[in-house]
N, C-alpha and C. Protein backbone atom coordinates (compact mmCIF):
# COMPACT_ATOMS: atom_id res chain seq x y z
N MET A 1 130.63 98.78 123.84
CA MET A 1 131.82 98.07 123.38
C MET A 1 132.46 98.83 122.22
N ARG A 2 133.74 98.66 122.08
CA ARG A 2 134.45 99.32 120.99
C ARG A 2 135.29 98.30 120.23
N HIS A 3 134.66 97.22 119.83
CA HIS A 3 135.36 96.20 119.06
C HIS A 3 135.81 96.77 117.72
N LEU A 4 137.09 96.64 117.43
CA LEU A 4 137.68 97.10 116.18
C LEU A 4 137.51 98.60 115.95
N VAL A 5 137.30 99.36 117.00
CA VAL A 5 137.20 100.81 116.91
C VAL A 5 138.50 101.39 117.48
N ALA A 6 139.33 101.93 116.61
CA ALA A 6 140.67 102.36 117.01
C ALA A 6 140.71 103.84 117.40
N ARG A 7 139.63 104.57 117.19
CA ARG A 7 139.66 106.01 117.49
C ARG A 7 139.62 106.26 118.99
N ARG A 8 140.16 107.39 119.39
CA ARG A 8 140.17 107.75 120.80
C ARG A 8 138.84 108.37 121.20
N LYS A 9 138.34 107.98 122.37
CA LYS A 9 137.08 108.54 122.84
C LYS A 9 137.26 109.88 123.53
N LEU A 10 138.43 110.10 124.17
CA LEU A 10 138.75 111.37 124.83
C LEU A 10 137.73 111.72 125.91
N ASN A 11 137.07 110.70 126.45
CA ASN A 11 136.10 110.89 127.54
C ASN A 11 134.98 111.85 127.14
N ARG A 12 134.54 111.74 125.88
CA ARG A 12 133.48 112.61 125.36
C ARG A 12 132.51 111.80 124.52
N THR A 13 131.32 112.34 124.37
CA THR A 13 130.36 111.72 123.47
C THR A 13 130.78 111.96 122.02
N SER A 14 130.16 111.26 121.09
CA SER A 14 130.54 111.41 119.69
C SER A 14 130.28 112.82 119.19
N GLU A 15 129.15 113.43 119.61
CA GLU A 15 128.85 114.79 119.17
C GLU A 15 129.87 115.79 119.71
N HIS A 16 130.19 115.64 121.00
CA HIS A 16 131.18 116.54 121.61
C HIS A 16 132.56 116.35 120.97
N ARG A 17 132.90 115.11 120.67
CA ARG A 17 134.19 114.82 120.07
C ARG A 17 134.30 115.42 118.66
N GLU A 18 133.24 115.33 117.88
CA GLU A 18 133.25 115.91 116.54
C GLU A 18 133.35 117.43 116.59
N ALA A 19 132.62 118.04 117.52
CA ALA A 19 132.68 119.50 117.67
C ALA A 19 134.07 119.94 118.11
N LEU A 20 134.68 119.19 119.03
CA LEU A 20 136.03 119.51 119.49
C LEU A 20 137.02 119.42 118.34
N ARG A 21 136.92 118.36 117.54
CA ARG A 21 137.84 118.17 116.42
C ARG A 21 137.66 119.29 115.38
N ARG A 22 136.43 119.69 115.13
CA ARG A 22 136.18 120.74 114.14
C ARG A 22 136.73 122.08 114.61
N ASN A 23 136.49 122.42 115.87
CA ASN A 23 136.96 123.71 116.39
C ASN A 23 138.49 123.78 116.42
N MET A 24 139.13 122.68 116.80
CA MET A 24 140.59 122.67 116.84
C MET A 24 141.19 122.76 115.44
N ALA A 25 140.55 122.11 114.46
CA ALA A 25 141.03 122.19 113.09
C ALA A 25 140.89 123.61 112.55
N GLN A 26 139.79 124.29 112.86
CA GLN A 26 139.62 125.67 112.43
C GLN A 26 140.69 126.57 113.03
N SER A 27 140.99 126.38 114.31
CA SER A 27 142.03 127.18 114.95
C SER A 27 143.41 126.89 114.35
N LEU A 28 143.66 125.63 113.99
CA LEU A 28 144.94 125.29 113.39
C LEU A 28 145.11 125.97 112.03
N PHE A 29 144.07 125.96 111.20
CA PHE A 29 144.17 126.61 109.90
C PHE A 29 144.26 128.12 110.02
N GLU A 30 143.67 128.67 111.06
CA GLU A 30 143.69 130.13 111.24
C GLU A 30 145.03 130.61 111.76
N HIS A 31 145.62 129.89 112.73
CA HIS A 31 146.83 130.37 113.39
C HIS A 31 148.10 129.63 112.97
N GLY A 32 147.99 128.50 112.29
CA GLY A 32 149.16 127.77 111.85
C GLY A 32 149.64 126.72 112.83
N GLN A 33 149.33 126.87 114.11
CA GLN A 33 149.70 125.89 115.11
C GLN A 33 148.84 126.08 116.35
N ILE A 34 148.64 125.00 117.09
CA ILE A 34 147.87 125.04 118.33
C ILE A 34 148.60 124.22 119.37
N THR A 35 148.38 124.55 120.64
CA THR A 35 148.93 123.79 121.76
C THR A 35 147.80 123.06 122.46
N THR A 36 147.95 121.77 122.60
CA THR A 36 146.90 120.95 123.21
C THR A 36 147.56 119.73 123.85
N THR A 37 146.76 118.82 124.37
CA THR A 37 147.33 117.60 124.94
C THR A 37 147.76 116.65 123.83
N LEU A 38 148.67 115.77 124.15
CA LEU A 38 149.22 114.86 123.14
C LEU A 38 148.15 113.92 122.56
N PRO A 39 147.25 113.32 123.36
CA PRO A 39 146.21 112.48 122.75
C PRO A 39 145.30 113.24 121.79
N LYS A 40 144.95 114.48 122.12
CA LYS A 40 144.11 115.27 121.22
C LYS A 40 144.86 115.60 119.93
N ALA A 41 146.15 115.91 120.04
CA ALA A 41 146.93 116.22 118.85
C ALA A 41 147.03 115.01 117.93
N LYS A 42 147.23 113.84 118.50
CA LYS A 42 147.32 112.62 117.70
C LYS A 42 145.97 112.28 117.06
N ASP A 43 144.89 112.58 117.75
CA ASP A 43 143.57 112.31 117.20
C ASP A 43 143.20 113.31 116.11
N LEU A 44 143.66 114.55 116.25
CA LEU A 44 143.31 115.60 115.30
C LEU A 44 144.13 115.51 114.02
N ARG A 45 145.32 115.00 114.10
CA ARG A 45 146.24 115.02 112.96
C ARG A 45 145.68 114.35 111.70
N PRO A 46 145.16 113.11 111.76
CA PRO A 46 144.61 112.52 110.52
C PRO A 46 143.40 113.26 109.98
N PHE A 47 142.61 113.87 110.87
CA PHE A 47 141.45 114.65 110.43
C PHE A 47 141.89 115.88 109.64
N VAL A 48 142.94 116.55 110.11
CA VAL A 48 143.46 117.72 109.41
C VAL A 48 144.07 117.33 108.07
N GLU A 49 144.78 116.20 108.05
CA GLU A 49 145.37 115.74 106.79
C GLU A 49 144.27 115.48 105.76
N ARG A 50 143.17 114.91 106.21
CA ARG A 50 142.05 114.64 105.29
C ARG A 50 141.44 115.93 104.76
N LEU A 51 141.31 116.94 105.63
CA LEU A 51 140.74 118.21 105.20
C LEU A 51 141.63 118.90 104.17
N ILE A 52 142.94 118.84 104.36
CA ILE A 52 143.84 119.47 103.40
C ILE A 52 143.78 118.75 102.05
N THR A 53 143.65 117.43 102.09
CA THR A 53 143.49 116.68 100.83
C THR A 53 142.22 117.09 100.11
N LEU A 54 141.12 117.24 100.86
CA LEU A 54 139.88 117.72 100.25
C LEU A 54 140.05 119.13 99.71
N GLY A 55 140.80 119.96 100.43
CA GLY A 55 141.05 121.32 99.95
C GLY A 55 141.83 121.35 98.65
N ARG A 56 142.76 120.43 98.48
CA ARG A 56 143.50 120.36 97.23
C ARG A 56 142.58 119.97 96.07
N LYS A 57 141.67 119.03 96.34
CA LYS A 57 140.72 118.62 95.29
C LYS A 57 139.76 119.77 94.97
N ALA A 58 139.34 120.49 96.01
CA ALA A 58 138.43 121.62 95.78
C ALA A 58 139.13 122.73 95.00
N ARG A 59 140.39 122.95 95.29
CA ARG A 59 141.14 123.98 94.55
C ARG A 59 141.30 123.59 93.08
N ALA A 60 141.33 122.27 92.82
CA ALA A 60 141.43 121.79 91.44
C ALA A 60 140.12 121.87 90.69
N GLY A 61 139.02 122.20 91.41
CA GLY A 61 137.74 122.37 90.74
C GLY A 61 136.66 121.40 91.12
N SER A 62 136.89 120.53 92.10
CA SER A 62 135.89 119.55 92.49
C SER A 62 134.85 120.19 93.40
N VAL A 63 133.60 120.24 92.93
CA VAL A 63 132.51 120.79 93.73
C VAL A 63 132.15 119.86 94.87
N ALA A 64 132.21 118.54 94.63
CA ALA A 64 131.89 117.56 95.67
C ALA A 64 132.88 117.66 96.84
N ALA A 65 134.17 117.85 96.51
CA ALA A 65 135.17 117.99 97.56
C ALA A 65 134.94 119.26 98.37
N ARG A 66 134.53 120.36 97.71
CA ARG A 66 134.25 121.61 98.41
C ARG A 66 133.06 121.45 99.34
N GLN A 67 132.02 120.75 98.90
CA GLN A 67 130.85 120.53 99.73
C GLN A 67 131.18 119.62 100.92
N ARG A 68 131.96 118.59 100.67
CA ARG A 68 132.36 117.70 101.76
C ARG A 68 133.24 118.43 102.76
N LEU A 69 134.11 119.29 102.28
CA LEU A 69 134.97 120.07 103.16
C LEU A 69 134.15 120.98 104.05
N THR A 70 133.15 121.64 103.50
CA THR A 70 132.28 122.50 104.29
C THR A 70 131.49 121.70 105.31
N SER A 71 131.08 120.50 104.93
CA SER A 71 130.32 119.65 105.85
C SER A 71 131.16 119.20 107.04
N LEU A 72 132.43 118.88 106.81
CA LEU A 72 133.29 118.38 107.88
C LEU A 72 133.86 119.51 108.73
N LEU A 73 134.31 120.57 108.08
CA LEU A 73 135.00 121.65 108.80
C LEU A 73 134.06 122.72 109.30
N GLY A 74 132.93 122.94 108.61
CA GLY A 74 132.09 124.07 108.96
C GLY A 74 132.58 125.31 108.22
N ASP A 75 131.77 126.36 108.26
CA ASP A 75 132.14 127.58 107.53
C ASP A 75 131.89 128.78 108.43
N ARG A 76 132.89 129.17 109.16
CA ARG A 76 132.79 130.34 110.01
C ARG A 76 133.72 131.42 109.49
N SER A 77 133.50 132.62 109.94
CA SER A 77 134.33 133.74 109.49
C SER A 77 135.56 133.87 110.37
N MET A 78 136.61 134.42 109.81
CA MET A 78 137.86 134.65 110.54
C MET A 78 138.49 135.94 110.04
N ILE A 79 139.35 136.51 110.85
CA ILE A 79 140.04 137.75 110.50
C ILE A 79 141.42 137.39 109.96
N PRO A 80 141.79 137.88 108.77
CA PRO A 80 143.14 137.61 108.25
C PRO A 80 144.21 138.11 109.21
N SER A 81 145.33 137.40 109.23
CA SER A 81 146.40 137.75 110.16
C SER A 81 146.96 139.14 109.93
N ASP A 82 146.89 139.65 108.68
CA ASP A 82 147.42 140.99 108.40
C ASP A 82 146.62 142.08 109.09
N TYR A 83 145.36 141.81 109.42
CA TYR A 83 144.48 142.83 110.03
C TYR A 83 144.11 142.48 111.46
N GLN A 84 144.80 141.53 112.06
CA GLN A 84 144.44 141.09 113.40
C GLN A 84 144.62 142.20 114.42
N GLU A 85 145.71 142.95 114.35
CA GLU A 85 145.95 144.03 115.31
C GLU A 85 144.91 145.13 115.16
N GLN A 86 144.55 145.47 113.93
CA GLN A 86 143.53 146.49 113.72
C GLN A 86 142.17 146.03 114.27
N TYR A 87 141.89 144.76 114.10
CA TYR A 87 140.63 144.22 114.60
C TYR A 87 140.56 144.29 116.12
N GLU A 88 141.69 144.01 116.80
CA GLU A 88 141.70 144.05 118.26
C GLU A 88 141.53 145.47 118.79
N ASP A 89 141.92 146.48 118.02
CA ASP A 89 141.78 147.87 118.45
C ASP A 89 140.39 148.44 118.17
N MET A 90 139.54 147.72 117.46
CA MET A 90 138.20 148.20 117.12
C MET A 90 137.26 148.13 118.32
N THR A 91 136.19 148.89 118.22
CA THR A 91 135.12 148.80 119.20
C THR A 91 134.29 147.55 118.93
N ASP A 92 133.45 147.18 119.89
CA ASP A 92 132.63 145.98 119.71
C ASP A 92 131.66 146.13 118.54
N ALA A 93 131.14 147.34 118.33
CA ALA A 93 130.21 147.56 117.22
C ALA A 93 130.92 147.41 115.88
N ALA A 94 132.14 147.95 115.78
CA ALA A 94 132.90 147.83 114.53
C ALA A 94 133.28 146.38 114.26
N ARG A 95 133.62 145.64 115.32
CA ARG A 95 133.95 144.23 115.14
C ARG A 95 132.74 143.45 114.62
N ALA A 96 131.58 143.77 115.17
CA ALA A 96 130.37 143.07 114.73
C ALA A 96 130.07 143.35 113.26
N ARG A 97 130.29 144.60 112.82
CA ARG A 97 130.05 144.93 111.41
C ARG A 97 131.02 144.18 110.50
N VAL A 98 132.27 144.08 110.93
CA VAL A 98 133.27 143.37 110.11
C VAL A 98 132.92 141.89 110.00
N MET A 99 132.48 141.29 111.10
CA MET A 99 132.18 139.87 111.09
C MET A 99 130.87 139.55 110.38
N ARG A 100 129.97 140.52 110.28
CA ARG A 100 128.67 140.27 109.65
C ARG A 100 128.68 140.50 108.14
N MET A 101 129.74 141.07 107.59
CA MET A 101 129.75 141.40 106.17
C MET A 101 129.62 140.14 105.33
N ARG A 102 128.60 140.13 104.48
CA ARG A 102 128.33 138.97 103.65
C ARG A 102 129.38 138.78 102.56
N SER A 103 130.10 139.86 102.22
CA SER A 103 131.06 139.76 101.12
C SER A 103 132.24 138.86 101.47
N GLY A 104 132.48 138.64 102.74
CA GLY A 104 133.61 137.82 103.14
C GLY A 104 133.26 136.38 103.41
N ARG A 105 132.04 135.96 103.15
CA ARG A 105 131.60 134.61 103.46
C ARG A 105 131.52 133.76 102.20
N ARG A 106 131.45 132.48 102.42
CA ARG A 106 131.23 131.51 101.34
C ARG A 106 132.27 131.58 100.24
N TYR A 107 133.52 131.36 100.66
CA TYR A 107 134.64 131.14 99.74
C TYR A 107 135.06 132.37 98.95
N ARG A 108 134.39 133.50 99.11
CA ARG A 108 134.74 134.67 98.32
C ARG A 108 135.77 135.53 99.05
N LEU A 109 136.58 136.22 98.28
CA LEU A 109 137.52 137.16 98.87
C LEU A 109 136.75 138.38 99.37
N GLY A 110 136.90 138.69 100.66
CA GLY A 110 136.11 139.76 101.25
C GLY A 110 136.42 141.12 100.66
N GLN A 111 135.39 141.90 100.44
CA GLN A 111 135.52 143.28 99.98
C GLN A 111 134.90 144.18 101.04
N ALA A 112 135.73 145.02 101.63
CA ALA A 112 135.27 145.86 102.73
C ALA A 112 134.23 146.86 102.25
N ARG A 113 133.25 147.11 103.09
CA ARG A 113 132.20 148.07 102.79
C ARG A 113 131.94 148.92 104.02
N GLY A 114 131.20 150.00 103.82
CA GLY A 114 130.81 150.85 104.94
C GLY A 114 131.97 151.55 105.60
N GLY A 115 133.00 151.90 104.85
CA GLY A 115 134.12 152.62 105.44
C GLY A 115 135.15 151.75 106.12
N GLN A 116 134.96 150.43 106.14
CA GLN A 116 135.93 149.54 106.77
C GLN A 116 137.07 149.22 105.79
N LYS A 117 138.26 149.00 106.34
CA LYS A 117 139.42 148.71 105.52
C LYS A 117 139.55 147.22 105.18
N PHE A 118 138.86 146.38 105.90
CA PHE A 118 138.94 144.94 105.65
C PHE A 118 137.65 144.30 106.13
N THR A 119 137.52 143.02 105.83
CA THR A 119 136.35 142.27 106.25
C THR A 119 136.77 140.85 106.59
N ALA A 120 135.90 140.13 107.27
CA ALA A 120 136.19 138.75 107.61
C ALA A 120 136.13 137.87 106.37
N VAL A 121 136.85 136.76 106.41
CA VAL A 121 136.84 135.80 105.30
C VAL A 121 136.40 134.45 105.82
N SER A 122 135.96 133.60 104.93
CA SER A 122 135.52 132.26 105.28
C SER A 122 136.72 131.39 105.63
N ILE A 123 136.57 130.54 106.63
CA ILE A 123 137.65 129.62 107.00
C ILE A 123 137.91 128.62 105.87
N VAL A 124 136.85 128.25 105.13
CA VAL A 124 137.03 127.35 103.99
C VAL A 124 137.78 128.06 102.86
N HIS A 125 137.42 129.33 102.63
CA HIS A 125 138.15 130.13 101.63
C HIS A 125 139.62 130.25 102.02
N HIS A 126 139.90 130.47 103.28
CA HIS A 126 141.28 130.59 103.76
C HIS A 126 142.03 129.28 103.55
N LEU A 127 141.39 128.15 103.84
CA LEU A 127 142.04 126.86 103.67
C LEU A 127 142.38 126.60 102.21
N ILE A 128 141.42 126.84 101.32
CA ILE A 128 141.62 126.51 99.90
C ILE A 128 142.63 127.46 99.25
N ASN A 129 142.61 128.73 99.61
CA ASN A 129 143.41 129.72 98.89
C ASN A 129 144.70 130.12 99.60
N GLU A 130 144.82 129.85 100.89
CA GLU A 130 146.01 130.24 101.62
C GLU A 130 146.81 129.06 102.15
N VAL A 131 146.14 128.05 102.67
CA VAL A 131 146.84 126.91 103.28
C VAL A 131 147.25 125.89 102.24
N VAL A 132 146.33 125.52 101.36
CA VAL A 132 146.58 124.47 100.38
C VAL A 132 147.76 124.79 99.45
N PRO A 133 147.92 126.05 98.96
CA PRO A 133 149.05 126.32 98.06
C PRO A 133 150.43 126.05 98.67
N ARG A 134 150.52 126.00 100.01
CA ARG A 134 151.82 125.70 100.62
C ARG A 134 152.26 124.27 100.34
N PHE A 135 151.31 123.38 100.07
CA PHE A 135 151.62 121.96 99.96
C PHE A 135 151.50 121.45 98.53
N GLU A 136 151.67 122.33 97.56
CA GLU A 136 151.65 121.91 96.16
C GLU A 136 152.81 120.95 95.90
N GLY A 137 152.51 119.80 95.33
CA GLY A 137 153.54 118.82 95.04
C GLY A 137 153.92 117.95 96.21
N ARG A 138 153.26 118.13 97.36
CA ARG A 138 153.55 117.30 98.54
C ARG A 138 152.47 116.25 98.66
N PRO A 139 152.81 114.95 98.63
CA PRO A 139 151.78 113.90 98.63
C PRO A 139 151.11 113.69 99.98
N GLY A 140 151.68 114.17 101.05
CA GLY A 140 151.09 113.98 102.37
C GLY A 140 152.02 114.52 103.44
N GLY A 141 151.68 114.25 104.69
CA GLY A 141 152.53 114.74 105.78
C GLY A 141 152.47 116.24 105.93
N TYR A 142 151.26 116.78 106.06
CA TYR A 142 151.09 118.22 106.11
C TYR A 142 151.27 118.80 107.51
N THR A 143 151.30 117.97 108.53
CA THR A 143 151.37 118.45 109.91
C THR A 143 152.48 117.72 110.66
N ARG A 144 152.88 118.30 111.78
CA ARG A 144 153.84 117.66 112.67
C ARG A 144 153.37 117.84 114.11
N VAL A 145 153.72 116.89 114.97
CA VAL A 145 153.40 116.94 116.40
C VAL A 145 154.71 117.07 117.15
N ILE A 146 154.83 118.11 117.98
CA ILE A 146 156.03 118.36 118.77
C ILE A 146 155.66 118.25 120.25
N LYS A 147 156.29 117.32 120.94
CA LYS A 147 156.03 117.15 122.37
C LYS A 147 156.66 118.30 123.16
N LEU A 148 155.95 118.73 124.19
CA LEU A 148 156.45 119.79 125.07
C LEU A 148 156.95 119.18 126.37
N GLY A 149 157.94 119.83 126.95
CA GLY A 149 158.47 119.32 128.21
C GLY A 149 157.52 119.53 129.37
N ALA A 150 156.73 120.61 129.33
CA ALA A 150 155.82 120.91 130.43
C ALA A 150 154.54 120.09 130.30
N ALA A 151 153.95 119.74 131.44
CA ALA A 151 152.69 119.01 131.46
C ALA A 151 151.56 119.94 131.84
N ASN A 152 150.34 119.50 131.58
CA ASN A 152 149.17 120.29 131.94
C ASN A 152 149.10 120.47 133.45
N ARG A 153 148.85 121.70 133.89
CA ARG A 153 148.85 121.99 135.32
C ARG A 153 147.70 121.30 136.04
N ASN A 154 146.59 121.06 135.35
CA ASN A 154 145.42 120.51 136.01
C ASN A 154 145.50 118.99 136.19
N ASP A 155 145.74 118.25 135.11
CA ASP A 155 145.73 116.80 135.19
C ASP A 155 147.06 116.15 134.85
N ASN A 156 148.11 116.96 134.73
CA ASN A 156 149.47 116.46 134.46
C ASN A 156 149.55 115.72 133.13
N ALA A 157 148.72 116.09 132.16
CA ALA A 157 148.74 115.45 130.85
C ALA A 157 149.91 115.97 130.02
N GLN A 158 150.44 115.10 129.18
CA GLN A 158 151.52 115.49 128.27
C GLN A 158 151.00 116.48 127.25
N MET A 159 151.66 117.65 127.12
CA MET A 159 151.27 118.68 126.18
C MET A 159 152.08 118.56 124.89
N ALA A 160 151.50 119.06 123.80
CA ALA A 160 152.16 118.98 122.50
C ALA A 160 151.70 120.15 121.64
N VAL A 161 152.47 120.44 120.61
CA VAL A 161 152.14 121.46 119.61
C VAL A 161 151.84 120.76 118.30
N LEU A 162 150.66 121.00 117.76
CA LEU A 162 150.31 120.51 116.42
C LEU A 162 150.52 121.66 115.46
N GLN A 163 151.37 121.46 114.47
CA GLN A 163 151.83 122.56 113.62
C GLN A 163 151.76 122.15 112.15
N LEU A 164 151.36 123.10 111.32
CA LEU A 164 151.39 122.87 109.88
C LEU A 164 152.83 122.89 109.39
N VAL A 165 153.20 121.94 108.55
CA VAL A 165 154.55 121.89 108.00
C VAL A 165 154.75 123.13 107.13
N GLY A 166 155.89 123.77 107.31
CA GLY A 166 156.18 125.00 106.57
C GLY A 166 156.10 126.23 107.44
N GLU A 167 155.52 126.10 108.63
CA GLU A 167 155.51 127.23 109.56
C GLU A 167 156.90 127.36 110.18
N GLU A 168 157.58 128.43 109.86
CA GLU A 168 158.96 128.59 110.30
C GLU A 168 159.06 129.15 111.71
N GLU A 169 157.97 129.70 112.24
CA GLU A 169 158.03 130.27 113.57
C GLU A 169 158.13 129.16 114.60
N SER A 170 158.95 129.39 115.60
CA SER A 170 159.12 128.41 116.66
C SER A 170 157.89 128.37 117.55
N PRO A 171 157.50 127.18 118.05
CA PRO A 171 156.38 127.13 118.98
C PRO A 171 156.61 127.89 120.27
N GLY A 172 157.86 128.30 120.54
CA GLY A 172 158.12 129.16 121.68
C GLY A 172 158.52 128.38 122.92
N THR A 173 157.64 127.56 123.44
CA THR A 173 157.90 126.87 124.69
C THR A 173 158.34 125.42 124.46
N VAL A 174 158.78 125.11 123.24
CA VAL A 174 159.20 123.74 122.96
C VAL A 174 160.53 123.48 123.65
N THR A 175 160.58 122.49 124.53
CA THR A 175 161.80 122.08 125.21
C THR A 175 161.90 120.56 125.12
N ARG A 176 163.03 120.07 125.50
CA ARG A 176 163.23 118.63 125.46
C ARG A 176 162.32 117.97 126.51
N PRO A 177 161.55 116.94 126.13
CA PRO A 177 160.65 116.31 127.11
C PRO A 177 161.44 115.73 128.28
N GLU A 178 160.90 115.89 129.48
CA GLU A 178 161.54 115.36 130.67
C GLU A 178 161.45 113.83 130.67
N LYS A 179 162.52 113.19 131.14
CA LYS A 179 162.53 111.73 131.20
C LYS A 179 161.69 111.24 132.36
N THR A 180 161.00 110.15 132.14
CA THR A 180 160.18 109.58 133.20
C THR A 180 161.08 108.83 134.18
N ALA A 181 160.49 108.47 135.34
CA ALA A 181 161.25 107.73 136.35
C ALA A 181 161.69 106.37 135.80
N ARG A 182 160.84 105.77 135.00
CA ARG A 182 161.19 104.47 134.42
C ARG A 182 162.38 104.60 133.47
N GLN A 183 162.41 105.66 132.66
CA GLN A 183 163.55 105.87 131.76
C GLN A 183 164.84 106.12 132.53
N ARG A 184 164.74 106.88 133.63
CA ARG A 184 165.94 107.14 134.44
C ARG A 184 166.46 105.86 135.09
N ARG A 185 165.55 105.00 135.59
CA ARG A 185 165.98 103.74 136.18
C ARG A 185 166.63 102.84 135.13
N THR A 186 166.08 102.81 133.92
CA THR A 186 166.66 101.99 132.86
C THR A 186 168.05 102.47 132.49
N GLU A 187 168.22 103.79 132.41
CA GLU A 187 169.54 104.32 132.08
C GLU A 187 170.56 103.99 133.17
N ARG A 188 170.15 104.04 134.44
CA ARG A 188 171.07 103.69 135.52
C ARG A 188 171.47 102.21 135.45
N ARG A 189 170.50 101.34 135.11
CA ARG A 189 170.82 99.91 134.99
C ARG A 189 171.81 99.67 133.85
N TYR A 190 171.57 100.33 132.70
CA TYR A 190 172.49 100.16 131.57
C TYR A 190 173.88 100.68 131.92
N ALA A 191 173.95 101.80 132.63
CA ALA A 191 175.25 102.36 133.00
C ALA A 191 175.99 101.43 133.96
N ALA A 192 175.26 100.85 134.93
CA ALA A 192 175.89 99.93 135.88
C ALA A 192 176.36 98.65 135.17
N ALA A 193 175.54 98.14 134.23
CA ALA A 193 175.94 96.94 133.49
C ALA A 193 177.15 97.20 132.61
N ALA A 194 177.21 98.38 131.99
CA ALA A 194 178.36 98.71 131.15
C ALA A 194 179.63 98.86 131.98
N LYS A 195 179.49 99.43 133.18
CA LYS A 195 180.66 99.59 134.05
C LYS A 195 181.17 98.23 134.53
N ALA A 196 180.24 97.33 134.87
CA ALA A 196 180.65 95.99 135.32
C ALA A 196 181.31 95.21 134.19
N ALA A 197 180.78 95.37 132.98
CA ALA A 197 181.38 94.67 131.85
C ALA A 197 182.78 95.21 131.55
N LYS A 198 182.97 96.51 131.73
CA LYS A 198 184.28 97.11 131.48
C LYS A 198 185.31 96.63 132.49
N ARG A 199 184.87 96.44 133.75
CA ARG A 199 185.80 95.96 134.78
C ARG A 199 186.19 94.51 134.55
N SER A 200 185.28 93.71 134.02
CA SER A 200 185.55 92.28 133.84
C SER A 200 186.41 92.00 132.63
N ARG A 201 186.56 92.92 131.73
CA ARG A 201 187.34 92.68 130.52
C ARG A 201 188.82 92.43 130.81
N PRO A 202 189.52 93.20 131.65
CA PRO A 202 190.95 92.89 131.93
C PRO A 202 191.13 91.53 132.57
N ALA A 203 190.20 91.13 133.47
CA ALA A 203 190.33 89.84 134.13
C ALA A 203 190.18 88.69 133.16
N GLN A 204 189.35 88.85 132.14
CA GLN A 204 189.16 87.81 131.16
C GLN A 204 190.31 87.75 130.17
N SER A 205 190.91 88.87 129.86
CA SER A 205 192.00 88.90 128.88
C SER A 205 193.33 88.45 129.47
N GLN A 206 193.49 88.49 130.82
CA GLN A 206 194.76 88.11 131.45
C GLN A 206 195.07 86.63 131.28
N PRO A 207 194.14 85.68 131.54
CA PRO A 207 194.46 84.26 131.28
C PRO A 207 194.80 83.98 129.83
N ALA A 208 194.16 84.65 128.92
CA ALA A 208 194.45 84.44 127.50
C ALA A 208 195.87 84.88 127.18
N ALA A 209 196.32 85.99 127.78
CA ALA A 209 197.67 86.46 127.54
C ALA A 209 198.70 85.50 128.11
N GLU A 210 198.43 84.92 129.32
CA GLU A 210 199.34 83.96 129.91
C GLU A 210 199.45 82.71 129.06
N ALA A 211 198.30 82.27 128.47
CA ALA A 211 198.33 81.07 127.63
C ALA A 211 199.15 81.31 126.37
N GLN A 212 199.10 82.48 125.82
CA GLN A 212 199.90 82.78 124.63
C GLN A 212 201.38 82.83 124.97
N GLY A 213 201.71 83.33 126.21
CA GLY A 213 203.12 83.40 126.60
C GLY A 213 203.74 82.03 126.78
N GLU A 214 202.96 81.05 127.28
CA GLU A 214 203.49 79.71 127.45
C GLU A 214 203.71 79.05 126.10
């Protein structure tokens, strides 16, 4: 039973649902926006807002907020966007060395070693030092959900883009959502009713004009 439980189950167990939410949040902080189904985007949005609030407290010096943030989000390594192209051109061995460097983990700014020009950084470090400063002075509303016109090819689910506010790049495939059959039928009914009302207006005004003439 789910009495008074308002969260979405997403057809997953609690462990799977938490892992899904954590992985999607990490991808959102790394890339700035993600494309997913509309129910998942709506479920992820309050979780991301909470993480950014914890990041603001951690940036202000709260150790408890930093520990809670690591507990909820996890702490994996990521490649900064400035070095993403160089990382893709590396061999598998060079990529492994970059990702294994301890200097880039645990909230510290990575310092490249062993002849490498860069190193991986912590996702928590990236959130606190790169994402949080964008929202200084903003009390909330750090994300937006944009519905996409196209549906999922597999199950016809409504797709959406979850985006951090301040990302100026367009989601690319954002189009006006297609109207459902029910919306089209409603619009036709309103148009027919408006046309009938417009036709009846002269007939109603004619007796009134005759009465005034008499």
